[in-house]
Structures are given as structure tokens and as C-alpha cells.
Amino acid sequence: MNINSLLSSIIEQSGWSIKTASLMILANLIAIAIGRYGIKIRGLGPSIPLSGTEGFGLPELLATTSLGHILGCGIILGLDRLGMIW
């Protein structure tokens, strides 16, 4: 069994699709947007080398994407339970 067939069988069994991936990406982008303006004390850790992200460093990115994954999991599981994703 080669690696491509192994990965394709894992993906088929997990139920992961473009719809679930796009929902997770959207949830993370929403969480980053909320955190960008909602975090009061910013810029205490190392910064991200992107233009326009002054004061939004690595700790803020990790915190917002953690929240985004929690939101994304809830959205995906909820919509799956309602039968709206597949």
C-alpha cells in the first residue's frame, strides 16, 4: 500500500471535505478579526513578519486560532448533526 492510497482512505473515512475545511477556515478568520480588535493588551510577545500587523504577534495569533478551532469544531459538528454539511 503506498502513501497516496493510505491518505485517501483516511480522508474518506474521516468525513473531511472542502465544505468542512472552508467552514474551519472561515471560523478562524472570524476569530482572528474579533481578536485583532478585541484583545486589549497586545504586542507582548514576538511579532509576526507581516505588514499591517503591528501589535498583533504570535501569542495573539495562537490565541485567536485556538478560539477559531473551537468555534469551527462546534459549527462543523452542529451542522453535521443537523445534516446540512454532507
Protein backbone atom coordinates (compact mmCIF):
# COMPACT_ATOMS: atom_id res chain seq x y z
CA MET A 1 0.00 0.00 0.00
CA ASN A 2 1.51 3.30 -0.99
CA ILE A 3 1.17 6.57 0.88
CA ASN A 4 -1.39 8.08 -1.54
CA SER A 5 -3.87 5.25 -1.11
CA LEU A 6 -3.35 5.31 2.66
CA LEU A 7 -4.02 9.05 2.84
CA SER A 8 -7.06 8.84 0.57
CA SER A 9 -8.57 6.07 2.69
CA ILE A 10 -8.04 8.11 5.85
CA ILE A 11 -9.66 11.18 4.28
CA GLU A 12 -12.63 9.15 3.03
CA GLN A 13 -13.22 7.60 6.44
CA SER A 14 -12.91 10.84 8.39
CA GLY A 15 -15.64 12.70 6.51
CA TRP A 16 -13.35 15.66 5.90
CA SER A 17 -14.23 17.62 2.77
CA ILE A 18 -13.84 21.01 1.16
CA LYS A 19 -17.02 22.13 2.94
CA THR A 20 -15.66 21.29 6.39
CA ALA A 21 -12.27 22.82 5.55
CA SER A 22 -13.89 26.05 4.33
CA LEU A 23 -16.02 26.25 7.48
CA MET A 24 -12.90 25.83 9.64
CA ILE A 25 -11.02 28.49 7.67
CA LEU A 26 -13.96 30.87 7.94
CA ALA A 27 -14.25 30.30 11.69
CA ASN A 28 -10.54 31.02 12.12
CA LEU A 29 -10.70 34.20 10.05
CA ILE A 30 -13.67 35.42 12.09
CA ALA A 31 -11.83 34.66 15.34
CA ILE A 32 -8.71 36.49 14.12
CA ALA A 33 -10.82 39.51 13.15
CA ILE A 34 -12.51 39.54 16.55
CA GLY A 35 -9.19 39.11 18.35
CA ARG A 36 -7.49 41.80 16.30
CA TYR A 37 -9.80 44.42 17.75
CA GLY A 38 -10.86 42.69 20.97
CA ILE A 39 -7.53 41.96 22.67
CA LYS A 40 -6.73 44.92 24.93
CA ILE A 41 -3.06 44.27 25.80
CA ARG A 42 -1.25 43.31 22.60
CA GLY A 43 2.30 43.05 21.38
CA LEU A 44 3.92 41.48 24.44
CA GLY A 45 5.43 38.53 22.57
CA PRO A 46 7.30 38.06 19.31
CA SER A 47 5.75 39.74 16.30
CA ILE A 48 4.63 38.20 13.03
CA PRO A 49 6.63 39.37 9.99
CA LEU A 50 3.61 40.65 8.04
CA SER A 51 2.87 44.21 7.12
CA GLY A 52 -0.16 45.74 8.79
CA THR A 53 0.05 43.52 11.87
CA GLU A 54 1.66 45.93 14.30
CA GLY A 55 0.86 44.86 17.84
CA PHE A 56 -0.59 41.54 16.70
CA GLY A 57 2.09 38.97 17.42
CA LEU A 58 2.50 35.25 17.77
CA PRO A 59 0.67 34.92 21.13
CA GLU A 60 -2.36 36.75 19.73
CA LEU A 61 -2.32 34.62 16.58
CA LEU A 62 -2.16 31.39 18.58
CA ALA A 63 -4.93 32.53 20.91
CA THR A 64 -7.27 33.58 18.12
CA THR A 65 -6.70 30.48 16.02
CA SER A 66 -7.29 28.32 19.10
CA LEU A 67 -10.62 30.06 19.56
CA GLY A 68 -11.27 29.69 15.83
CA HIS A 69 -10.73 25.93 16.01
CA ILE A 70 -13.11 25.64 18.96
CA LEU A 71 -15.74 27.65 17.08
CA GLY A 72 -15.08 25.69 13.88
CA CYS A 73 -15.46 22.33 15.60
CA GLY A 74 -18.74 23.42 17.13
CA ILE A 75 -20.05 24.74 13.82
CA ILE A 76 -18.99 21.63 11.89
CA LEU A 77 -20.36 19.18 14.46
CA GLY A 78 -23.60 21.14 14.79
CA LEU A 79 -24.21 21.38 11.06
CA ASP A 80 -23.27 17.71 10.65
CA ARG A 81 -25.77 16.74 13.32
CA LEU A 82 -28.45 18.74 11.50
CA GLY A 83 -27.47 17.08 8.23
CA MET A 84 -26.61 20.33 6.49
CA ILE A 85 -22.96 19.65 5.53
CA TRP A 86 -22.82 16.35 3.67
